[in-house]
């Protein structure tokens, strides 16, 4: 029996899509090899998988998705969200 137990880590990320939506959430990655955001964007997979996604559409409406699968070709920009210890920054 093959176990489907790939250990995953998460990168908090924010992105903007060609359709105008801005998304913020947990980007699912495989830990270790190709676990950096730049590696994920440059690997052979065509989609990004995100969970707990906050979305703001082009009209300014905001909503939340539990899961989103995003075509990489639709991403205009993406960056990791780094936590800071000083919230006033």
N, C-alpha and C. Protein backbone atom coordinates (compact mmCIF):
# COMPACT_ATOMS: atom_id res chain seq x y z
N UNK A 1 0.84 -1.18 0.00
CA UNK A 1 0.00 0.00 0.00
C UNK A 1 0.89 1.25 0.00
N UNK A 2 0.61 2.15 -0.92
CA UNK A 2 1.39 3.38 -1.02
C UNK A 2 0.74 4.45 -0.15
N UNK A 3 1.54 5.03 0.71
CA UNK A 3 1.01 6.08 1.58
C UNK A 3 1.12 7.42 0.88
N UNK A 4 0.05 8.19 0.97
CA UNK A 4 0.05 9.54 0.40
C UNK A 4 0.29 10.53 1.53
N UNK A 5 1.49 10.47 2.08
CA UNK A 5 1.82 11.27 3.26
C UNK A 5 3.00 12.18 2.97
N UNK A 6 2.88 13.03 1.98
CA UNK A 6 3.95 13.98 1.68
C UNK A 6 3.88 15.10 2.71
N UNK A 7 4.98 15.31 3.40
CA UNK A 7 5.01 16.36 4.40
C UNK A 7 4.98 17.71 3.69
N UNK A 8 4.07 18.57 4.12
CA UNK A 8 3.93 19.87 3.48
C UNK A 8 4.27 20.98 4.45
N UNK A 9 4.80 22.05 3.92
CA UNK A 9 4.96 23.26 4.70
C UNK A 9 4.15 24.34 4.00
N UNK A 10 4.02 25.47 4.63
CA UNK A 10 3.20 26.52 4.07
C UNK A 10 3.98 27.82 4.03
N UNK A 11 3.78 28.56 2.96
CA UNK A 11 4.34 29.89 2.83
C UNK A 11 3.17 30.85 2.78
N UNK A 12 3.15 31.81 3.68
CA UNK A 12 2.13 32.85 3.60
C UNK A 12 2.51 33.73 2.41
N UNK A 13 1.59 33.92 1.49
CA UNK A 13 1.90 34.67 0.28
C UNK A 13 0.74 35.57 -0.12
N UNK A 14 1.09 36.60 -0.87
CA UNK A 14 0.12 37.54 -1.43
C UNK A 14 0.39 37.63 -2.92
N UNK A 15 -0.67 37.67 -3.72
CA UNK A 15 -0.49 37.75 -5.17
C UNK A 15 -1.59 38.57 -5.82
N UNK A 16 -1.32 39.01 -7.03
CA UNK A 16 -2.32 39.69 -7.85
C UNK A 16 -2.45 38.93 -9.15
N UNK A 17 -3.70 38.74 -9.59
CA UNK A 17 -3.98 38.00 -10.81
C UNK A 17 -4.33 38.95 -11.95
N UNK A 18 -4.21 38.47 -13.18
CA UNK A 18 -4.55 39.27 -14.36
C UNK A 18 -5.99 39.76 -14.33
N UNK A 19 -6.87 39.01 -13.70
CA UNK A 19 -8.29 39.37 -13.62
C UNK A 19 -8.57 40.47 -12.61
N UNK A 20 -7.54 40.89 -11.86
CA UNK A 20 -7.68 41.99 -10.91
C UNK A 20 -7.79 41.57 -9.46
N UNK A 21 -8.03 40.30 -9.20
CA UNK A 21 -8.13 39.84 -7.81
C UNK A 21 -6.77 39.89 -7.12
N UNK A 22 -6.81 40.26 -5.85
CA UNK A 22 -5.64 40.13 -4.99
C UNK A 22 -5.95 39.03 -3.99
N UNK A 23 -5.01 38.14 -3.78
CA UNK A 23 -5.21 36.98 -2.92
C UNK A 23 -4.11 36.91 -1.88
N UNK A 24 -4.50 36.49 -0.69
CA UNK A 24 -3.56 36.32 0.41
C UNK A 24 -3.94 35.04 1.13
N UNK A 25 -2.96 34.15 1.34
CA UNK A 25 -3.27 32.90 2.01
C UNK A 25 -2.06 32.01 2.18
N UNK A 26 -2.31 30.75 2.51
CA UNK A 26 -1.27 29.76 2.74
C UNK A 26 -0.99 29.00 1.46
N UNK A 27 0.17 29.22 0.90
CA UNK A 27 0.59 28.53 -0.31
C UNK A 27 1.16 27.19 0.10
N UNK A 28 0.62 26.11 -0.43
CA UNK A 28 1.07 24.76 -0.08
C UNK A 28 2.32 24.42 -0.88
N UNK A 29 3.33 23.92 -0.18
CA UNK A 29 4.58 23.53 -0.82
C UNK A 29 5.05 22.20 -0.24
N UNK A 30 5.91 21.53 -0.97
CA UNK A 30 6.55 20.34 -0.44
C UNK A 30 7.81 20.78 0.26
N UNK A 31 8.00 20.32 1.48
CA UNK A 31 9.12 20.75 2.30
C UNK A 31 10.45 20.32 1.69
N UNK A 32 11.42 21.19 1.81
CA UNK A 32 12.76 20.87 1.34
C UNK A 32 12.98 21.27 -0.10
N UNK A 33 13.21 20.28 -0.94
CA UNK A 33 13.50 20.54 -2.35
C UNK A 33 12.37 21.32 -2.99
N UNK A 34 12.73 22.39 -3.66
CA UNK A 34 11.76 23.25 -4.34
C UNK A 34 10.71 23.82 -3.39
N UNK A 35 11.14 24.13 -2.18
CA UNK A 35 10.22 24.67 -1.20
C UNK A 35 10.23 26.18 -1.12
N UNK A 36 11.12 26.84 -1.87
CA UNK A 36 11.15 28.29 -1.87
C UNK A 36 10.14 28.82 -2.89
N UNK A 37 9.65 30.02 -2.65
CA UNK A 37 8.65 30.61 -3.54
C UNK A 37 9.18 30.71 -4.97
N UNK A 38 10.42 31.11 -5.14
CA UNK A 38 10.99 31.20 -6.49
C UNK A 38 11.03 29.84 -7.17
N UNK A 39 11.35 28.78 -6.42
CA UNK A 39 11.36 27.43 -6.98
C UNK A 39 9.96 26.99 -7.38
N UNK A 40 8.98 27.33 -6.56
CA UNK A 40 7.60 26.95 -6.85
C UNK A 40 7.12 27.62 -8.13
N UNK A 41 7.44 28.89 -8.30
CA UNK A 41 7.00 29.61 -9.49
C UNK A 41 7.73 29.15 -10.75
N UNK A 42 8.93 28.59 -10.60
CA UNK A 42 9.70 28.17 -11.77
C UNK A 42 9.68 26.67 -12.03
N UNK A 43 8.95 25.89 -11.22
CA UNK A 43 8.92 24.45 -11.48
C UNK A 43 7.91 24.13 -12.59
N UNK A 44 7.76 22.87 -12.92
CA UNK A 44 6.95 22.46 -14.07
C UNK A 44 5.44 22.43 -13.82
N UNK A 45 5.01 22.55 -12.56
CA UNK A 45 3.57 22.52 -12.30
C UNK A 45 2.93 23.79 -12.82
N UNK A 46 1.69 23.67 -13.25
CA UNK A 46 1.00 24.81 -13.85
C UNK A 46 0.09 25.55 -12.87
N UNK A 47 -0.11 24.97 -11.68
CA UNK A 47 -1.05 25.56 -10.72
C UNK A 47 -0.42 25.71 -9.34
N UNK A 48 -0.90 26.71 -8.61
CA UNK A 48 -0.56 26.93 -7.21
C UNK A 48 -1.75 26.51 -6.38
N UNK A 49 -1.50 25.89 -5.24
CA UNK A 49 -2.57 25.47 -4.34
C UNK A 49 -2.48 26.33 -3.08
N UNK A 50 -3.60 26.95 -2.73
CA UNK A 50 -3.65 27.80 -1.54
C UNK A 50 -4.83 27.40 -0.66
N UNK A 51 -4.67 27.64 0.63
CA UNK A 51 -5.77 27.44 1.58
C UNK A 51 -5.94 28.71 2.41
N UNK A 52 -7.12 28.82 3.04
CA UNK A 52 -7.44 29.98 3.87
C UNK A 52 -7.13 31.28 3.13
N UNK A 53 -7.76 31.45 1.98
CA UNK A 53 -7.44 32.54 1.06
C UNK A 53 -8.40 33.72 1.24
N UNK A 54 -7.84 34.89 1.51
CA UNK A 54 -8.61 36.12 1.52
C UNK A 54 -8.49 36.73 0.13
N UNK A 55 -9.64 37.04 -0.48
CA UNK A 55 -9.67 37.55 -1.84
C UNK A 55 -10.31 38.93 -1.87
N UNK A 56 -9.72 39.83 -2.64
CA UNK A 56 -10.31 41.13 -2.91
C UNK A 56 -10.42 41.23 -4.43
N UNK A 57 -11.65 41.32 -4.93
CA UNK A 57 -11.81 41.35 -6.38
C UNK A 57 -11.61 42.77 -6.91
N UNK A 58 -11.65 42.91 -8.23
CA UNK A 58 -11.41 44.19 -8.88
C UNK A 58 -12.39 45.28 -8.48
N UNK A 59 -13.57 44.90 -8.01
CA UNK A 59 -14.60 45.85 -7.59
C UNK A 59 -14.47 46.21 -6.11
N UNK A 60 -13.49 45.64 -5.43
CA UNK A 60 -13.28 45.94 -4.02
C UNK A 60 -14.03 45.04 -3.06
N UNK A 61 -14.79 44.07 -3.58
CA UNK A 61 -15.50 43.13 -2.69
C UNK A 61 -14.49 42.16 -2.11
N UNK A 62 -14.70 41.80 -0.85
CA UNK A 62 -13.80 40.88 -0.17
C UNK A 62 -14.55 39.64 0.26
N UNK A 63 -13.90 38.49 0.12
CA UNK A 63 -14.48 37.22 0.56
C UNK A 63 -13.36 36.26 0.88
N UNK A 64 -13.71 35.13 1.48
CA UNK A 64 -12.73 34.13 1.91
C UNK A 64 -13.03 32.79 1.25
N UNK A 65 -11.98 32.11 0.83
CA UNK A 65 -12.07 30.77 0.27
C UNK A 65 -11.28 29.81 1.15
N UNK A 66 -11.81 28.62 1.36
CA UNK A 66 -11.05 27.60 2.09
C UNK A 66 -9.94 27.03 1.23
N UNK A 67 -10.15 27.01 -0.09
CA UNK A 67 -9.21 26.39 -1.02
C UNK A 67 -9.25 27.12 -2.35
N UNK A 68 -8.10 27.28 -2.97
CA UNK A 68 -8.03 27.86 -4.31
C UNK A 68 -6.89 27.20 -5.07
N UNK A 69 -7.13 26.95 -6.34
CA UNK A 69 -6.12 26.41 -7.24
C UNK A 69 -5.95 27.46 -8.34
N UNK A 70 -4.77 28.07 -8.42
CA UNK A 70 -4.54 29.22 -9.28
C UNK A 70 -3.57 28.85 -10.40
N UNK A 71 -3.94 29.17 -11.63
CA UNK A 71 -3.07 28.96 -12.77
C UNK A 71 -1.90 29.94 -12.68
N UNK A 72 -0.68 29.45 -12.69
CA UNK A 72 0.50 30.32 -12.57
C UNK A 72 0.55 31.37 -13.67
N UNK A 73 0.03 31.05 -14.85
CA UNK A 73 0.07 31.98 -15.97
C UNK A 73 -0.77 33.23 -15.70
N UNK A 74 -1.70 33.17 -14.75
CA UNK A 74 -2.56 34.30 -14.42
C UNK A 74 -1.96 35.21 -13.35
N UNK A 75 -0.83 34.82 -12.78
CA UNK A 75 -0.22 35.59 -11.69
C UNK A 75 0.62 36.73 -12.25
N UNK A 76 0.28 37.97 -11.86
CA UNK A 76 1.07 39.14 -12.26
C UNK A 76 2.26 39.31 -11.34
N UNK A 77 2.00 39.26 -10.03
CA UNK A 77 3.08 39.32 -9.05
C UNK A 77 2.70 38.48 -7.84
N UNK A 78 3.73 38.04 -7.13
CA UNK A 78 3.55 37.24 -5.93
C UNK A 78 4.72 37.51 -5.00
N UNK A 79 4.46 37.56 -3.70
CA UNK A 79 5.54 37.70 -2.74
C UNK A 79 5.18 37.02 -1.44
N UNK A 80 6.19 36.55 -0.71
CA UNK A 80 5.91 35.95 0.59
C UNK A 80 5.57 37.04 1.60
N UNK A 81 4.76 36.68 2.57
CA UNK A 81 4.43 37.61 3.65
C UNK A 81 5.26 37.17 4.84
N UNK A 82 6.15 38.04 5.25
CA UNK A 82 7.03 37.71 6.36
C UNK A 82 6.46 38.33 7.62
N UNK A 83 6.42 37.54 8.68
CA UNK A 83 5.93 38.04 9.96
C UNK A 83 7.02 38.88 10.61
N UNK A 84 6.62 39.98 11.21
CA UNK A 84 7.56 40.81 11.93
C UNK A 84 7.19 40.81 13.40
N UNK A 85 8.19 40.97 14.24
CA UNK A 85 7.93 40.99 15.67
C UNK A 85 7.35 42.33 16.10
N UNK A 86 7.67 43.38 15.38
CA UNK A 86 7.17 44.71 15.70
C UNK A 86 6.02 45.03 14.75
N UNK A 87 4.80 45.03 15.24
CA UNK A 87 3.63 45.25 14.40
C UNK A 87 3.48 46.70 13.96
N UNK A 88 4.27 47.61 14.53
CA UNK A 88 4.20 49.03 14.16
C UNK A 88 4.98 49.34 12.90
N UNK A 89 5.71 48.39 12.38
CA UNK A 89 6.53 48.61 11.18
C UNK A 89 5.67 48.60 9.95
